[in-house]
Each structure stands twice: as C-alpha cells, then as structure tokens.
Amino acid sequence: MPVRYQPSGVAVEDPSSPHGLRLLIEDYPYASDGLEIWAAINLWVEEYVNFYYKSDAVIAQDSELQAFWKEAVEVGHGDLKNAAWWFKMQTRTDLIDACTILIWIASALHAAVNFGQYPYGGYILNRPTKSRRFMPEKGSPEYEELAQDYEKAYLRTITPRNDTIMNMTVMEVLSSHVSDEQYLGQRIEGGLWTSDSEPVEAYKKFGRKLAEIEEKLIQRNNDESLRNRYGPVKMPYTL
C-alpha cells in the first residue's frame, strides 16, 4: 500500500518507485531517510490494526476509539475541528493512517527537529535566536552604521551575550540523549503489551526492519556523492 508521507514539494506519487513515492530531490537526507522510517512504521501499524480489527465495521463500532478520536479532534484541536482533512475514523485505513502519523510525529519527526538544535544553532552567529532591531532603512543612522561597520551592526542586532549563553545551555540540554532512552522497535521496560503471538512477531519484524534501515542510512552517510550528508565538513546526517 502506498504511504501518505509526502514531504511538501519534494515528492510525487509514483507506483514504480519504492514506497509509491518518487523524491524530486534525490540528495535530501530528511526526505529519503524519513520515507524509509515512515514506511516501516506504516507496515507495523497496518499489521497490528488488521489483527485486532477484522473489518471496517468494527472500527465504527468501537466506542472507546470513537470517543478518543472525537476528543482529539474537537477538544485537542478545537480551533480546527471543522477542517475537511480530518480522518472520519470509520475504516481500518483511517486508523492506520492516523496511528502512523501520531507515531511519526512523536518519534522520527521530533528527533529530526530536536536533536540537531545544538550542532546547527549552538554557534549563535550561525543561527541567532533573536533580532533586537529592524532592518535599517536607507538614510537612517542605523543604515549608516551598517554601511560603515557591518560586523559591529550585526553584533548589536543579534542575540546579546547573556541571552546567548542561556540559549546555548538550553539547546545543549535539548539536543542530548538520555541514558535510558527507548528507540522505535525496542522495548526496555518489562515484557510486551500483549500475549497474542502475531502482533508480537510483527513488532519484532518492525525492529529488525529498523535495524536494516539504520545500516542503510550509515552507508548513505559514507557516500561521497551525496554532498548534503557527506559534504566538505564531513558531518553525517544522523537526525
């Protein structure tokens, strides 16, 4: 089944391509890596949902599921509750897609935007966290200052020293992994959540698939032709 993961503006549906999508930018680490992980999550969720829900009718009749979805839409996103793009939650496909999106957001997407904060933004000149002044208009004293000494003007505009130290500290903490971190496809706390053998085996298969993907991503990071993940600074894409 083609997945619905489509990085905005960089992919088109193509049944002949892996996962049913063709990336318009081949050397785009987030899109190419993300598509692999999304597809693995989607397959795991599909196998799990189809084991416990044998038909679409069972989805519509599940009062707890319907109550959860109603609360998620109408309470959790009350300002968007009337949007046309919400899943109706009447079919197994609706549930599979919704769960895939939720798992993706809470895992791979969050990791991609979180753990790179310090490497990319810790050096404040590379990614200032604020601008203390508007862009100067021609003829103003600020514009003359910029013309005479642009470095001084830049430093007076971006984040000041004390704020920079605080921002660097916060970014470093946010970008750090914890010792008891759990990863997709792994379970550290005691036991599995079900005694049913089929979903347990499906989850183990999911873990093995992610291990295969990890090896593939390591190979990509060592591919000198992929400049956006190898590049002149030799900084692999690990997010």
Protein backbone atom coordinates (compact mmCIF):
# COMPACT_ATOMS: atom_id res chain seq x y z
CA MET A 1 0.00 0.00 0.00
CA PRO A 2 1.50 3.40 -0.97
CA VAL A 3 2.14 5.50 2.10
CA ARG A 4 0.80 9.03 2.53
CA TYR A 5 4.10 10.53 3.67
CA GLN A 6 4.82 13.26 1.11
CA PRO A 7 7.45 15.87 2.04
CA SER A 8 5.94 19.11 0.76
CA GLY A 9 7.11 19.96 -2.74
CA VAL A 10 9.78 17.28 -2.95
CA ALA A 11 7.83 14.13 -3.81
CA VAL A 12 5.20 12.92 -6.26
CA GLU A 13 3.18 9.72 -6.29
CA ASP A 14 4.86 7.10 -8.46
CA PRO A 15 3.78 3.43 -8.21
CA SER A 16 7.07 2.30 -9.76
CA SER A 17 9.18 3.93 -7.00
CA PRO A 18 9.91 2.44 -3.59
CA HIS A 19 7.01 3.09 -1.20
CA GLY A 20 4.98 4.57 -4.05
CA LEU A 21 6.72 7.95 -4.00
CA ARG A 22 9.46 9.49 -6.13
CA LEU A 23 11.63 12.14 -4.50
CA LEU A 24 12.22 15.15 -6.74
CA ILE A 25 15.42 15.96 -4.83
CA GLU A 26 17.48 12.79 -4.57
CA ASP A 27 20.04 14.15 -2.12
CA TYR A 28 17.60 15.28 0.59
CA PRO A 29 18.52 13.39 3.79
CA TYR A 30 15.37 14.17 5.81
CA ALA A 31 13.06 13.12 2.98
CA SER A 32 14.92 10.00 1.87
CA ASP A 33 15.64 8.74 5.39
CA GLY A 34 12.21 9.73 6.64
CA LEU A 35 10.44 7.86 3.86
CA GLU A 36 12.18 4.63 4.86
CA ILE A 37 11.20 5.03 8.52
CA TRP A 38 7.65 6.15 7.71
CA ALA A 39 7.09 3.06 5.55
CA ALA A 40 8.34 0.77 8.33
CA ILE A 41 6.03 2.41 10.88
CA ASN A 42 3.11 2.23 8.45
CA LEU A 43 3.61 -1.50 7.81
CA TRP A 44 3.87 -2.30 11.52
CA VAL A 45 0.70 -0.34 12.31
CA GLU A 46 -1.14 -1.96 9.39
CA GLU A 47 -0.32 -5.47 10.64
CA TYR A 48 -1.30 -4.57 14.21
CA VAL A 49 -4.61 -2.89 13.30
CA ASN A 50 -5.65 -5.63 10.89
CA PHE A 51 -5.07 -8.27 13.57
CA TYR A 52 -7.39 -6.67 16.10
CA TYR A 53 -9.91 -5.15 13.69
CA LYS A 54 -11.13 -7.70 11.15
CA SER A 55 -13.38 -5.26 9.29
CA ASP A 56 -14.16 -1.57 8.89
CA ALA A 57 -17.44 -2.10 10.72
CA VAL A 58 -15.57 -2.95 13.93
CA ILE A 59 -13.78 0.42 13.76
CA ALA A 60 -17.06 2.31 13.61
CA GLN A 61 -18.48 0.23 16.48
CA ASP A 62 -15.51 0.69 18.84
CA SER A 63 -16.92 3.22 21.32
CA GLU A 64 -13.60 3.84 23.10
CA LEU A 65 -11.78 4.52 19.81
CA GLN A 66 -14.56 6.81 18.60
CA ALA A 67 -14.55 8.72 21.91
CA PHE A 68 -10.77 9.13 21.75
CA TRP A 69 -10.90 10.44 18.19
CA LYS A 70 -13.78 12.79 18.96
CA GLU A 71 -11.80 14.27 21.87
CA ALA A 72 -8.60 14.52 19.80
CA VAL A 73 -10.41 16.46 17.06
CA GLU A 74 -12.94 18.55 18.97
CA VAL A 75 -11.07 19.22 22.23
CA GLY A 76 -7.41 18.78 21.39
CA HIS A 77 -7.76 20.79 18.18
CA GLY A 78 -10.93 22.74 18.80
CA ASP A 79 -9.86 25.59 16.55
CA LEU A 80 -9.51 23.16 13.62
CA LYS A 81 -12.31 20.74 14.38
CA ASN A 82 -14.27 21.71 11.28
CA ALA A 83 -11.36 21.22 8.88
CA ALA A 84 -12.16 18.90 5.98
CA TRP A 85 -8.95 16.90 6.19
CA TRP A 86 -9.66 15.03 9.45
CA PHE A 87 -9.99 11.27 9.13
CA LYS A 88 -13.60 10.17 9.66
CA MET A 89 -12.33 7.19 11.67
CA GLN A 90 -14.76 4.80 10.02
CA THR A 91 -12.31 2.43 8.34
CA ARG A 92 -9.17 0.49 9.15
CA THR A 93 -7.30 2.71 6.67
CA ASP A 94 -8.33 5.77 8.70
CA LEU A 95 -6.98 4.23 11.90
CA ILE A 96 -3.77 3.00 10.25
CA ASP A 97 -3.01 6.41 8.75
CA ALA A 98 -3.86 8.27 11.97
CA CYS A 99 -1.68 5.99 14.13
CA THR A 100 1.21 6.17 11.65
CA ILE A 101 1.09 9.97 11.75
CA LEU A 102 0.96 10.08 15.57
CA ILE A 103 3.88 7.66 15.94
CA TRP A 104 5.86 9.53 13.27
CA ILE A 105 5.35 12.91 14.95
CA ALA A 106 6.27 11.60 18.42
CA SER A 107 9.40 9.78 17.22
CA ALA A 108 11.17 10.40 13.92
CA LEU A 109 9.85 13.91 13.22
CA HIS A 110 10.56 15.09 16.77
CA ALA A 111 14.05 13.62 16.65
CA ALA A 112 14.75 15.35 13.34
CA VAL A 113 13.85 18.81 14.66
CA ASN A 114 15.13 18.36 18.22
CA PHE A 115 18.48 16.63 18.38
CA GLY A 116 20.19 18.88 15.85
CA GLN A 117 19.50 22.11 17.70
CA TYR A 118 22.93 22.47 19.29
CA PRO A 119 25.09 21.33 16.34
CA TYR A 120 23.28 23.73 14.00
CA GLY A 121 22.30 26.55 16.33
CA GLY A 122 24.69 26.42 19.28
CA TYR A 123 27.06 28.81 17.49
CA ILE A 124 24.90 31.90 17.76
CA LEU A 125 26.41 33.64 14.71
CA ASN A 126 25.23 30.74 12.59
CA ARG A 127 21.63 30.87 13.78
CA PRO A 128 20.79 33.86 16.01
CA THR A 129 17.74 33.37 18.21
CA LYS A 130 16.54 36.95 18.02
CA SER A 131 16.86 40.29 16.24
CA ARG A 132 16.91 43.32 18.52
CA ARG A 133 16.45 45.84 15.72
CA PHE A 134 14.51 46.18 12.47
CA MET A 135 16.29 46.13 9.14
CA PRO A 136 17.67 49.68 8.74
CA GLU A 137 16.10 51.95 6.15
CA LYS A 138 18.25 53.92 3.73
CA GLY A 139 19.13 57.33 5.10
CA SER A 140 18.73 56.36 8.76
CA PRO A 141 21.60 56.46 11.32
CA GLU A 142 21.31 52.68 11.63
CA TYR A 143 21.85 52.29 7.90
CA GLU A 144 24.96 54.49 8.04
CA GLU A 145 26.27 52.38 10.90
CA LEU A 146 25.67 49.24 8.86
CA ALA A 147 27.47 50.72 5.85
CA GLN A 148 30.48 51.81 7.91
CA ASP A 149 30.91 48.68 10.07
CA TYR A 150 28.56 45.86 9.17
CA GLU A 151 30.12 43.41 11.67
CA LYS A 152 29.53 45.79 14.60
CA ALA A 153 25.98 46.48 13.40
CA TYR A 154 25.30 42.75 13.10
CA LEU A 155 26.55 42.02 16.61
CA ARG A 156 24.40 44.85 18.00
CA THR A 157 21.37 43.35 16.28
CA ILE A 158 21.55 39.65 17.14
CA THR A 159 21.21 37.89 20.49
CA PRO A 160 23.22 39.60 23.29
CA ARG A 161 25.89 37.75 25.27
CA ASN A 162 23.89 36.73 28.36
CA ASP A 163 20.97 35.52 26.28
CA THR A 164 23.38 33.66 24.03
CA ILE A 165 24.83 31.72 26.98
CA MET A 166 21.35 30.82 28.19
CA ASN A 167 20.22 29.79 24.71
CA MET A 168 23.31 27.64 24.18
CA THR A 169 22.71 25.88 27.51
CA VAL A 170 19.08 25.14 26.71
CA MET A 171 19.90 23.90 23.20
CA GLU A 172 22.63 21.63 24.52
CA VAL A 173 20.26 20.06 27.05
CA LEU A 174 17.51 19.61 24.46
CA SER A 175 19.95 18.04 21.99
CA SER A 176 21.31 15.48 24.46
CA HIS A 177 20.18 11.87 24.60
CA VAL A 178 19.36 10.31 27.98
CA SER A 179 20.86 7.05 29.24
CA ASP A 180 17.51 5.22 29.42
CA GLU A 181 16.21 6.42 26.06
CA GLN A 182 14.00 3.99 24.18
CA TYR A 183 14.04 3.73 20.42
CA LEU A 184 11.48 2.66 17.85
CA GLY A 185 11.29 -1.11 17.61
CA GLN A 186 12.75 -1.65 21.08
CA ARG A 187 11.13 -2.25 24.47
CA ILE A 188 13.27 -1.86 27.57
CA GLU A 189 10.61 -1.98 30.29
CA GLY A 190 9.43 -5.43 31.29
CA GLY A 191 7.61 -7.56 28.78
CA LEU A 192 5.45 -6.94 25.77
CA TRP A 193 1.94 -5.45 25.89
CA THR A 194 0.11 -8.48 24.56
CA SER A 195 0.26 -12.26 24.66
CA ASP A 196 -1.04 -12.56 21.09
CA SER A 197 1.77 -14.06 19.06
CA GLU A 198 1.03 -12.40 15.69
CA PRO A 199 1.35 -8.76 16.81
CA VAL A 200 4.38 -9.67 18.93
CA GLU A 201 6.09 -11.18 15.90
CA ALA A 202 5.04 -8.20 13.79
CA TYR A 203 6.69 -5.87 16.31
CA LYS A 204 9.88 -7.92 16.28
CA LYS A 205 9.86 -7.76 12.47
CA PHE A 206 9.43 -3.98 12.79
CA GLY A 207 12.53 -3.83 15.00
CA ARG A 208 14.56 -5.89 12.54
CA LYS A 209 13.43 -3.66 9.68
CA LEU A 210 14.56 -0.54 11.53
CA ALA A 211 17.96 -2.14 12.16
CA GLU A 212 18.25 -2.75 8.40
CA ILE A 213 17.30 0.86 7.70
CA GLU A 214 19.92 2.08 10.16
CA GLU A 215 22.62 0.20 8.27
CA LYS A 216 21.36 1.68 5.01
CA LEU A 217 21.50 5.22 6.45
CA ILE A 218 25.07 4.67 7.65
CA GLN A 219 26.03 3.64 4.11
CA ARG A 220 24.39 6.77 2.73
CA ASN A 221 26.33 8.94 5.16
CA ASN A 222 29.55 7.43 3.81
CA ASP A 223 28.60 8.01 0.16
CA GLU A 224 30.80 10.82 -1.15
CA SER A 225 28.37 11.53 -3.99
CA LEU A 226 25.68 12.64 -1.52
CA ARG A 227 27.03 16.10 -0.70
CA ASN A 228 24.19 17.09 1.61
CA ARG A 229 25.02 14.35 4.11
CA TYR A 230 28.70 13.87 3.48
CA GLY A 231 29.88 17.24 2.22
CA PRO A 232 33.09 19.18 2.82
CA VAL A 233 32.63 19.35 6.61
CA LYS A 234 32.26 15.53 6.90
CA MET A 235 29.18 15.91 9.13
CA PRO A 236 26.89 12.88 8.64
CA TYR A 237 23.13 13.29 8.81
CA THR A 238 22.08 11.37 11.93
CA LEU A 239 18.80 13.05 12.81
